[in-house]
Amino acid sequence: MHMYLDIIGLCIDLPLVIIDQIYKWFSVFPIKLQDVHSVLLTNRIWKYRLIDVGIINKKILEAYALSGIITRASKIKKDLRLLGYEYYSIIQWGVLTAVTGDCLDRYLIRMNECLESVKIIQQLMIHIKLECTISNSVINTIEGMIFLFICYFLLNERMVYVRSEAPKGENGLFIVSSNIINVYRVKIRSPD
């Protein structure tokens, strides 16, 4: 999985047959998710173990710089996709929040975001391009990787911090450059 994702997107093109499989998945996934959701929410023991457990308030969120579903479950409408990177500025989607900030709220936010993700993927399928801009043979060499860094990370500033939303929260990449081509230091901040 980690080798499939690359600096410029994907290391190889999606096979055309996968598009049909994704559309078939759209018709099954929401129904299956609702089945799981119904079973769990009708189980009083399961709900008892989640309600008022692990409550995270705003003070804790700020002290530990938490992000992602944890913040949205605590009534804070923070989502890095609102910054409009990639295609998020042209698609319709909602940021879901809860009130209490307990384990049940985090579960409910996660389940609702799974359904929201289906809507996002359906809209993105319109914009998908099945063509590679740089040959895969270039990517598979050390020189090719260096070439990609030079092409895609030319720094106009001495320091840059880039954030993106990940399933567990905020991904951060802090880059310090000594000049426009050479990178002096890179720090990666993983999600919570």
Protein backbone atom coordinates (compact mmCIF):
# COMPACT_ATOMS: atom_id res chain seq x y z
CA MET A 1 0.00 0.00 0.00
CA HIS A 2 2.71 2.50 0.95
CA MET A 3 4.60 1.94 -2.30
CA TYR A 4 1.47 2.53 -4.39
CA LEU A 5 1.03 6.10 -3.16
CA ASP A 6 3.72 8.41 -4.50
CA ILE A 7 4.78 12.05 -4.36
CA ILE A 8 2.83 12.86 -7.51
CA GLY A 9 -0.15 10.62 -6.83
CA LEU A 10 -0.03 6.91 -7.67
CA CYS A 11 3.00 4.98 -8.87
CA ILE A 12 0.99 3.24 -11.62
CA ASP A 13 -2.29 3.98 -13.36
CA LEU A 14 -5.54 2.49 -12.12
CA PRO A 15 -6.70 -0.41 -14.28
CA LEU A 16 -9.90 0.45 -16.14
CA VAL A 17 -11.69 -2.53 -14.59
CA ILE A 18 -11.35 -1.00 -11.11
CA ILE A 19 -13.70 1.86 -12.04
CA ASP A 20 -16.54 -0.65 -12.54
CA GLN A 21 -15.66 -2.34 -9.26
CA ILE A 22 -15.78 1.00 -7.41
CA TYR A 23 -19.25 1.72 -8.81
CA LYS A 24 -20.42 -1.74 -7.68
CA TRP A 25 -18.95 -1.05 -4.24
CA PHE A 26 -21.02 2.17 -4.02
CA SER A 27 -24.22 0.14 -4.15
CA VAL A 28 -23.15 -2.33 -1.42
CA PHE A 29 -21.07 -0.38 1.11
CA PRO A 30 -23.72 2.00 2.54
CA ILE A 31 -26.14 -0.91 3.09
CA LYS A 32 -23.51 -3.05 4.85
CA LEU A 33 -22.39 -0.09 6.95
CA GLN A 34 -25.97 0.58 8.02
CA ASP A 35 -26.35 -3.10 9.00
CA VAL A 36 -23.30 -2.89 11.27
CA HIS A 37 -24.47 0.46 12.63
CA SER A 38 -27.94 -0.92 13.47
CA VAL A 39 -26.53 -3.96 15.28
CA LEU A 40 -24.17 -1.87 17.38
CA LEU A 41 -26.62 0.88 18.30
CA THR A 42 -29.29 -1.59 19.42
CA ASN A 43 -26.81 -3.34 21.73
CA ARG A 44 -27.30 -1.66 25.13
CA ILE A 45 -24.11 -3.16 26.62
CA TRP A 46 -22.01 -1.79 23.75
CA LYS A 47 -23.60 1.65 24.08
CA TYR A 48 -23.14 1.60 27.87
CA ARG A 49 -19.41 1.05 27.39
CA LEU A 50 -19.13 4.09 25.07
CA ILE A 51 -21.46 6.74 26.56
CA ASP A 52 -19.59 9.25 28.78
CA VAL A 53 -16.33 7.30 28.39
CA GLY A 54 -13.13 9.07 27.32
CA ILE A 55 -14.63 12.54 27.15
CA ILE A 56 -12.19 15.00 25.59
CA ASN A 57 -12.97 18.67 26.14
CA LYS A 58 -11.61 21.75 24.39
CA LYS A 59 -8.89 22.30 27.00
CA ILE A 60 -7.43 18.82 26.41
CA LEU A 61 -7.70 19.24 22.63
CA GLU A 62 -5.64 22.43 22.76
CA ALA A 63 -3.11 21.07 25.25
CA TYR A 64 -2.30 18.04 23.11
CA ALA A 65 -2.89 19.66 19.68
CA LEU A 66 -5.38 16.96 18.73
CA SER A 67 -7.10 16.98 15.36
CA GLY A 68 -9.35 14.93 13.13
CA ILE A 69 -12.37 13.06 14.40
CA ILE A 70 -11.42 13.70 18.01
CA THR A 71 -11.92 17.44 17.55
CA ARG A 72 -15.06 17.06 15.47
CA ALA A 73 -16.59 14.78 18.12
CA SER A 74 -16.01 17.58 20.65
CA LYS A 75 -18.12 20.14 18.74
CA ILE A 76 -15.20 21.84 16.95
CA LYS A 77 -15.74 22.17 13.21
CA LYS A 78 -12.09 21.73 12.21
CA ASP A 79 -11.33 19.94 8.97
CA LEU A 80 -8.21 20.64 6.91
CA ARG A 81 -10.07 19.79 3.72
CA LEU A 82 -11.83 23.13 4.19
CA LEU A 83 -8.56 24.76 3.11
CA GLY A 84 -9.43 23.59 -0.40
CA TYR A 85 -6.45 21.48 -1.41
CA GLU A 86 -6.69 19.07 -4.34
CA TYR A 87 -10.30 18.73 -5.58
CA TYR A 88 -12.03 19.59 -2.29
CA SER A 89 -12.76 23.13 -3.44
CA ILE A 90 -14.99 21.91 -6.27
CA ILE A 91 -16.94 19.11 -4.58
CA GLN A 92 -19.84 19.20 -2.13
CA TRP A 93 -19.25 17.65 1.29
CA GLY A 94 -20.05 18.37 4.90
CA VAL A 95 -18.10 18.54 8.14
CA LEU A 96 -19.90 16.54 10.79
CA THR A 97 -19.64 17.41 14.48
CA ALA A 98 -20.98 16.01 17.76
CA VAL A 99 -21.46 17.54 21.20
CA THR A 100 -20.19 15.42 24.09
CA GLY A 101 -16.77 14.28 22.87
CA ASP A 102 -17.10 10.77 24.29
CA CYS A 103 -16.35 7.43 22.61
CA LEU A 104 -19.90 7.14 21.26
CA ASP A 105 -19.64 10.53 19.56
CA ARG A 106 -16.32 9.55 17.98
CA TYR A 107 -17.90 6.32 16.70
CA LEU A 108 -20.93 8.19 15.28
CA ILE A 109 -18.69 10.75 13.56
CA ARG A 110 -16.57 7.96 12.03
CA MET A 111 -19.64 6.11 10.72
CA ASN A 112 -21.14 9.28 9.24
CA GLU A 113 -17.80 10.24 7.68
CA CYS A 114 -17.67 6.83 6.00
CA LEU A 115 -20.97 7.65 4.29
CA GLU A 116 -19.74 11.17 3.50
CA SER A 117 -16.62 9.62 1.93
CA VAL A 118 -18.81 7.65 -0.48
CA LYS A 119 -20.34 10.95 -1.65
CA ILE A 120 -16.88 12.47 -2.05
CA ILE A 121 -15.56 9.48 -4.03
CA GLN A 122 -18.61 9.54 -6.31
CA GLN A 123 -17.93 13.18 -7.15
CA LEU A 124 -14.19 12.57 -7.60
CA MET A 125 -14.82 9.73 -10.05
CA ILE A 126 -15.88 12.41 -12.55
CA HIS A 127 -12.48 14.11 -12.30
CA ILE A 128 -10.24 11.03 -12.30
CA LYS A 129 -7.53 10.90 -14.96
CA LEU A 130 -6.19 7.55 -16.05
CA GLU A 131 -2.94 8.80 -17.51
CA CYS A 132 0.53 9.08 -16.04
CA THR A 133 2.42 12.33 -16.49
CA ILE A 134 5.85 10.86 -15.66
CA SER A 135 7.02 7.45 -16.80
CA ASN A 136 7.01 4.73 -14.13
CA SER A 137 10.51 3.70 -15.18
CA VAL A 138 11.73 7.16 -14.06
CA ILE A 139 10.05 6.81 -10.67
CA ASN A 140 11.65 3.43 -9.91
CA THR A 141 15.20 4.80 -9.73
CA ILE A 142 16.93 6.92 -7.09
CA GLU A 143 17.66 9.56 -9.71
CA GLY A 144 13.98 9.54 -10.66
CA MET A 145 12.92 10.14 -7.05
CA ILE A 146 15.39 13.02 -6.74
CA PHE A 147 14.00 14.42 -10.00
CA LEU A 148 10.46 14.27 -8.57
CA PHE A 149 11.48 16.08 -5.39
CA ILE A 150 13.14 18.82 -7.43
CA CYS A 151 10.10 19.15 -9.75
CA TYR A 152 7.39 19.09 -7.10
CA PHE A 153 9.02 20.60 -4.03
CA LEU A 154 10.84 23.64 -5.38
CA LEU A 155 10.77 25.93 -2.42
CA ASN A 156 10.33 29.63 -2.93
CA GLU A 157 10.55 30.20 0.82
CA ARG A 158 13.16 29.13 3.33
CA MET A 159 10.56 27.23 5.39
CA VAL A 160 7.23 25.69 4.45
CA TYR A 161 4.67 23.69 6.42
CA VAL A 162 2.07 21.70 4.50
CA ARG A 163 -0.94 20.11 6.20
CA SER A 164 -3.43 17.54 4.98
CA GLU A 165 -6.34 15.65 6.48
CA ALA A 166 -5.78 11.94 7.13
CA PRO A 167 -8.14 9.32 8.60
CA LYS A 168 -6.60 9.72 12.06
CA GLY A 169 -6.09 13.48 11.97
CA GLU A 170 -3.62 15.97 10.56
CA ASN A 171 -0.58 15.00 8.53
CA GLY A 172 2.11 17.66 8.56
CA LEU A 173 5.27 18.12 6.53
CA PHE A 174 7.73 20.84 7.58
CA ILE A 175 10.53 21.53 5.09
CA VAL A 176 13.50 23.86 5.60
CA SER A 177 15.58 24.64 2.53
CA SER A 178 19.02 26.17 2.28
CA ASN A 179 18.28 27.29 -1.29
CA ILE A 180 15.64 26.78 -3.96
CA ILE A 181 16.62 23.19 -4.83
CA ASN A 182 18.31 21.60 -1.79
CA VAL A 183 16.28 20.57 1.24
CA TYR A 184 18.14 21.07 4.52
CA ARG A 185 15.68 19.48 6.97
CA VAL A 186 12.35 17.62 6.79
CA LYS A 187 10.08 16.93 9.78
CA ILE A 188 6.98 14.78 9.39
CA ARG A 189 4.14 15.15 11.91
CA SER A 190 1.94 12.08 11.92
CA PRO A 191 -1.75 12.16 12.95
CA ASP A 192 -2.82 11.82 16.59
